[in-house]
N, C-alpha and C. Protein backbone atom coordinates (compact mmCIF):
# COMPACT_ATOMS: atom_id res chain seq x y z
N MET A 1 56.32 -0.56 -25.59
CA MET A 1 56.07 -1.43 -26.72
C MET A 1 55.60 -2.79 -26.20
N LYS A 2 54.48 -3.25 -26.70
CA LYS A 2 53.93 -4.53 -26.28
C LYS A 2 54.60 -5.67 -27.02
N ALA A 3 54.78 -6.77 -26.29
CA ALA A 3 55.32 -7.98 -26.93
C ALA A 3 54.23 -8.63 -27.76
N ALA A 4 54.65 -9.29 -28.81
CA ALA A 4 53.69 -10.00 -29.65
C ALA A 4 53.09 -11.16 -28.87
N PRO A 5 51.83 -11.46 -29.10
CA PRO A 5 51.23 -12.60 -28.40
C PRO A 5 51.94 -13.89 -28.80
N ARG A 6 52.04 -14.80 -27.85
CA ARG A 6 52.73 -16.05 -28.09
C ARG A 6 51.72 -17.17 -28.23
N GLY A 7 51.93 -18.00 -29.20
CA GLY A 7 51.08 -19.16 -29.41
C GLY A 7 51.64 -20.37 -28.69
N PRO A 8 50.97 -21.49 -28.81
CA PRO A 8 51.45 -22.71 -28.17
C PRO A 8 52.72 -23.20 -28.85
N MET A 9 53.55 -23.94 -28.10
CA MET A 9 54.76 -24.49 -28.68
C MET A 9 54.36 -25.57 -29.68
N ILE A 10 54.97 -25.54 -30.84
CA ILE A 10 54.63 -26.48 -31.90
C ILE A 10 55.57 -27.67 -31.84
N VAL A 11 55.00 -28.86 -31.83
CA VAL A 11 55.80 -30.07 -31.96
C VAL A 11 55.83 -30.40 -33.44
N PRO A 12 57.02 -30.36 -34.05
CA PRO A 12 57.09 -30.48 -35.50
C PRO A 12 56.76 -31.87 -36.01
N ASP A 13 56.25 -31.90 -37.21
CA ASP A 13 56.00 -33.14 -37.93
C ASP A 13 57.15 -33.26 -38.93
N HIS A 14 57.79 -34.40 -39.00
CA HIS A 14 58.98 -34.57 -39.83
C HIS A 14 58.77 -34.12 -41.28
N GLN A 15 57.61 -34.36 -41.85
CA GLN A 15 57.41 -34.05 -43.26
C GLN A 15 57.38 -32.55 -43.53
N TYR A 16 57.21 -31.73 -42.50
CA TYR A 16 57.13 -30.29 -42.70
C TYR A 16 58.41 -29.56 -42.32
N LEU A 17 59.43 -30.28 -41.89
CA LEU A 17 60.66 -29.61 -41.45
C LEU A 17 61.27 -28.76 -42.55
N ASP A 18 61.17 -29.19 -43.80
CA ASP A 18 61.81 -28.44 -44.88
C ASP A 18 61.04 -27.19 -45.27
N THR A 19 59.83 -27.00 -44.75
CA THR A 19 59.04 -25.83 -45.12
C THR A 19 59.03 -24.75 -44.05
N LEU A 20 59.61 -25.02 -42.88
CA LEU A 20 59.55 -24.07 -41.78
C LEU A 20 60.68 -23.06 -41.86
N MET A 21 60.41 -21.86 -41.41
CA MET A 21 61.39 -20.78 -41.42
C MET A 21 62.09 -20.70 -40.07
N PRO A 22 63.29 -20.09 -40.02
CA PRO A 22 63.96 -19.91 -38.74
C PRO A 22 63.08 -19.10 -37.78
N THR A 23 63.28 -19.33 -36.52
CA THR A 23 62.48 -18.68 -35.50
C THR A 23 63.30 -17.62 -34.78
N SER A 24 62.71 -17.02 -33.77
CA SER A 24 63.36 -15.95 -33.02
C SER A 24 64.48 -16.49 -32.13
N PRO A 25 65.41 -15.62 -31.71
CA PRO A 25 66.46 -16.05 -30.78
C PRO A 25 65.88 -16.64 -29.49
N GLU A 26 64.77 -16.07 -29.02
CA GLU A 26 64.16 -16.59 -27.79
C GLU A 26 63.64 -18.01 -27.98
N SER A 27 62.95 -18.26 -29.08
CA SER A 27 62.42 -19.61 -29.30
C SER A 27 63.54 -20.61 -29.56
N ARG A 28 64.64 -20.16 -30.18
CA ARG A 28 65.79 -21.06 -30.36
C ARG A 28 66.41 -21.41 -29.01
N ALA A 29 66.50 -20.43 -28.11
CA ALA A 29 67.05 -20.69 -26.78
C ALA A 29 66.16 -21.65 -26.00
N ILE A 30 64.85 -21.46 -26.09
CA ILE A 30 63.91 -22.35 -25.39
C ILE A 30 64.02 -23.77 -25.94
N ALA A 31 64.08 -23.90 -27.26
CA ALA A 31 64.21 -25.22 -27.87
C ALA A 31 65.50 -25.90 -27.43
N LYS A 32 66.58 -25.13 -27.37
CA LYS A 32 67.87 -25.69 -26.95
C LYS A 32 67.82 -26.14 -25.50
N LEU A 33 67.25 -25.34 -24.63
CA LEU A 33 67.15 -25.72 -23.21
C LEU A 33 66.27 -26.95 -23.03
N ALA A 34 65.17 -27.03 -23.77
CA ALA A 34 64.28 -28.19 -23.68
C ALA A 34 65.01 -29.45 -24.15
N TRP A 35 65.81 -29.32 -25.22
CA TRP A 35 66.59 -30.46 -25.72
C TRP A 35 67.62 -30.89 -24.68
N GLU A 36 68.32 -29.93 -24.08
CA GLU A 36 69.33 -30.28 -23.08
C GLU A 36 68.71 -31.00 -21.89
N ALA A 37 67.55 -30.56 -21.45
CA ALA A 37 66.87 -31.22 -20.33
C ALA A 37 66.43 -32.63 -20.72
N ALA A 38 65.90 -32.79 -21.93
CA ALA A 38 65.47 -34.11 -22.38
C ALA A 38 66.66 -35.05 -22.54
N TRP A 39 67.78 -34.52 -23.05
CA TRP A 39 68.99 -35.32 -23.22
C TRP A 39 69.51 -35.79 -21.86
N GLU A 40 69.52 -34.91 -20.88
CA GLU A 40 69.97 -35.28 -19.54
C GLU A 40 69.04 -36.33 -18.93
N ARG A 41 67.74 -36.15 -19.11
CA ARG A 41 66.77 -37.12 -18.59
C ARG A 41 66.97 -38.49 -19.23
N LEU A 42 67.20 -38.52 -20.54
CA LEU A 42 67.46 -39.78 -21.23
C LEU A 42 68.75 -40.42 -20.71
N GLY A 43 69.79 -39.61 -20.53
CA GLY A 43 71.04 -40.14 -20.00
C GLY A 43 70.87 -40.74 -18.62
N ASN A 44 70.09 -40.09 -17.77
CA ASN A 44 69.84 -40.62 -16.43
C ASN A 44 69.00 -41.89 -16.49
N ALA A 45 68.14 -42.00 -17.48
CA ALA A 45 67.35 -43.23 -17.63
C ALA A 45 68.22 -44.38 -18.12
N LEU A 46 69.17 -44.07 -19.01
CA LEU A 46 70.05 -45.11 -19.53
C LEU A 46 71.08 -45.56 -18.50
N ARG A 47 71.57 -44.62 -17.71
CA ARG A 47 72.53 -44.91 -16.63
C ARG A 47 72.07 -44.18 -15.38
N PRO A 48 71.16 -44.79 -14.63
CA PRO A 48 70.63 -44.10 -13.45
C PRO A 48 71.75 -43.76 -12.46
N PRO A 49 71.68 -42.56 -11.86
CA PRO A 49 72.66 -42.21 -10.83
C PRO A 49 72.57 -43.19 -9.67
N GLU A 50 73.64 -43.29 -8.93
CA GLU A 50 73.68 -44.21 -7.78
C GLU A 50 72.52 -43.93 -6.84
N GLY A 51 71.84 -45.00 -6.45
CA GLY A 51 70.71 -44.87 -5.54
C GLY A 51 69.37 -44.70 -6.22
N TYR A 52 69.37 -44.51 -7.53
CA TYR A 52 68.11 -44.36 -8.27
C TYR A 52 67.69 -45.72 -8.84
N PRO A 53 66.39 -45.98 -8.92
CA PRO A 53 65.95 -47.27 -9.47
C PRO A 53 66.12 -47.30 -10.99
N GLU A 54 66.22 -48.51 -11.52
CA GLU A 54 66.26 -48.69 -12.98
C GLU A 54 64.90 -48.28 -13.55
N PRO A 55 64.88 -47.63 -14.71
CA PRO A 55 63.59 -47.25 -15.30
C PRO A 55 62.87 -48.47 -15.87
N THR A 56 61.57 -48.37 -15.93
CA THR A 56 60.78 -49.41 -16.59
C THR A 56 60.96 -49.23 -18.10
N PRO A 57 60.65 -50.25 -18.88
CA PRO A 57 60.72 -50.09 -20.34
C PRO A 57 59.85 -48.93 -20.84
N GLU A 58 58.70 -48.74 -20.21
CA GLU A 58 57.81 -47.64 -20.61
C GLU A 58 58.45 -46.28 -20.31
N GLU A 59 59.09 -46.15 -19.15
CA GLU A 59 59.76 -44.89 -18.79
C GLU A 59 60.92 -44.61 -19.74
N LEU A 60 61.67 -45.64 -20.07
CA LEU A 60 62.80 -45.48 -20.99
C LEU A 60 62.30 -45.05 -22.37
N ALA A 61 61.23 -45.67 -22.84
CA ALA A 61 60.66 -45.29 -24.14
C ALA A 61 60.17 -43.85 -24.11
N GLN A 62 59.52 -43.45 -23.02
CA GLN A 62 59.03 -42.07 -22.90
C GLN A 62 60.19 -41.08 -22.94
N CYS A 63 61.29 -41.40 -22.26
CA CYS A 63 62.46 -40.52 -22.29
C CYS A 63 63.02 -40.41 -23.70
N TYR A 64 63.07 -41.54 -24.41
CA TYR A 64 63.58 -41.53 -25.78
C TYR A 64 62.71 -40.66 -26.68
N TRP A 65 61.40 -40.88 -26.64
CA TRP A 65 60.50 -40.13 -27.52
C TRP A 65 60.46 -38.65 -27.17
N ASN A 66 60.60 -38.33 -25.89
CA ASN A 66 60.67 -36.93 -25.48
C ASN A 66 61.93 -36.28 -26.06
N ALA A 67 63.07 -36.97 -25.96
CA ALA A 67 64.32 -36.43 -26.50
C ALA A 67 64.21 -36.26 -28.02
N GLN A 68 63.60 -37.24 -28.70
CA GLN A 68 63.44 -37.14 -30.15
C GLN A 68 62.58 -35.94 -30.53
N SER A 69 61.50 -35.74 -29.79
CA SER A 69 60.61 -34.61 -30.06
C SER A 69 61.33 -33.28 -29.84
N ARG A 70 62.11 -33.18 -28.77
CA ARG A 70 62.84 -31.94 -28.48
C ARG A 70 63.93 -31.70 -29.53
N LEU A 71 64.57 -32.77 -30.01
CA LEU A 71 65.57 -32.61 -31.07
C LEU A 71 64.90 -32.09 -32.34
N ASP A 72 63.72 -32.59 -32.64
CA ASP A 72 62.98 -32.09 -33.80
C ASP A 72 62.66 -30.60 -33.64
N GLU A 73 62.33 -30.18 -32.42
CA GLU A 73 62.06 -28.76 -32.17
C GLU A 73 63.31 -27.91 -32.40
N VAL A 74 64.48 -28.43 -32.02
CA VAL A 74 65.74 -27.72 -32.27
C VAL A 74 65.97 -27.60 -33.77
N ARG A 75 65.72 -28.68 -34.50
CA ARG A 75 65.90 -28.63 -35.95
C ARG A 75 65.02 -27.56 -36.58
N VAL A 76 63.78 -27.48 -36.13
CA VAL A 76 62.87 -26.46 -36.66
C VAL A 76 63.35 -25.08 -36.27
N ALA A 77 63.72 -24.90 -35.00
CA ALA A 77 64.13 -23.58 -34.50
C ALA A 77 65.35 -23.05 -35.25
N PHE A 78 66.27 -23.94 -35.61
CA PHE A 78 67.49 -23.52 -36.29
C PHE A 78 67.44 -23.78 -37.80
N ASN A 79 66.27 -24.22 -38.29
CA ASN A 79 66.07 -24.49 -39.71
C ASN A 79 67.11 -25.47 -40.25
N VAL A 80 67.27 -26.58 -39.55
CA VAL A 80 68.22 -27.62 -39.94
C VAL A 80 67.43 -28.81 -40.46
N GLN A 81 67.82 -29.29 -41.62
CA GLN A 81 67.14 -30.44 -42.21
C GLN A 81 67.58 -31.73 -41.52
N PRO A 82 66.66 -32.68 -41.32
CA PRO A 82 67.06 -33.96 -40.74
C PRO A 82 67.90 -34.74 -41.74
N PRO A 83 68.75 -35.65 -41.27
CA PRO A 83 69.56 -36.45 -42.20
C PRO A 83 68.67 -37.33 -43.07
N GLN A 84 69.09 -37.53 -44.27
CA GLN A 84 68.32 -38.35 -45.22
C GLN A 84 68.74 -39.79 -45.15
């Protein structure tokens, strides 16, 4: 049995979160792992491990926006509405 073709990963737009359907267990797992990695990266940027340089404001902003984007992907994957 052939696997279904996979499309590109979708970065959700906030206004469409309420119209998206739940996704497959695999895509939920991928979204969760991507969120966990982004969360860890943001944590390391906020409190760099010993011996690591402080992030620039641009690097810190990039970590924040990456984490926000990954959290939005988790919301879509699990069909969770953002807080109002």
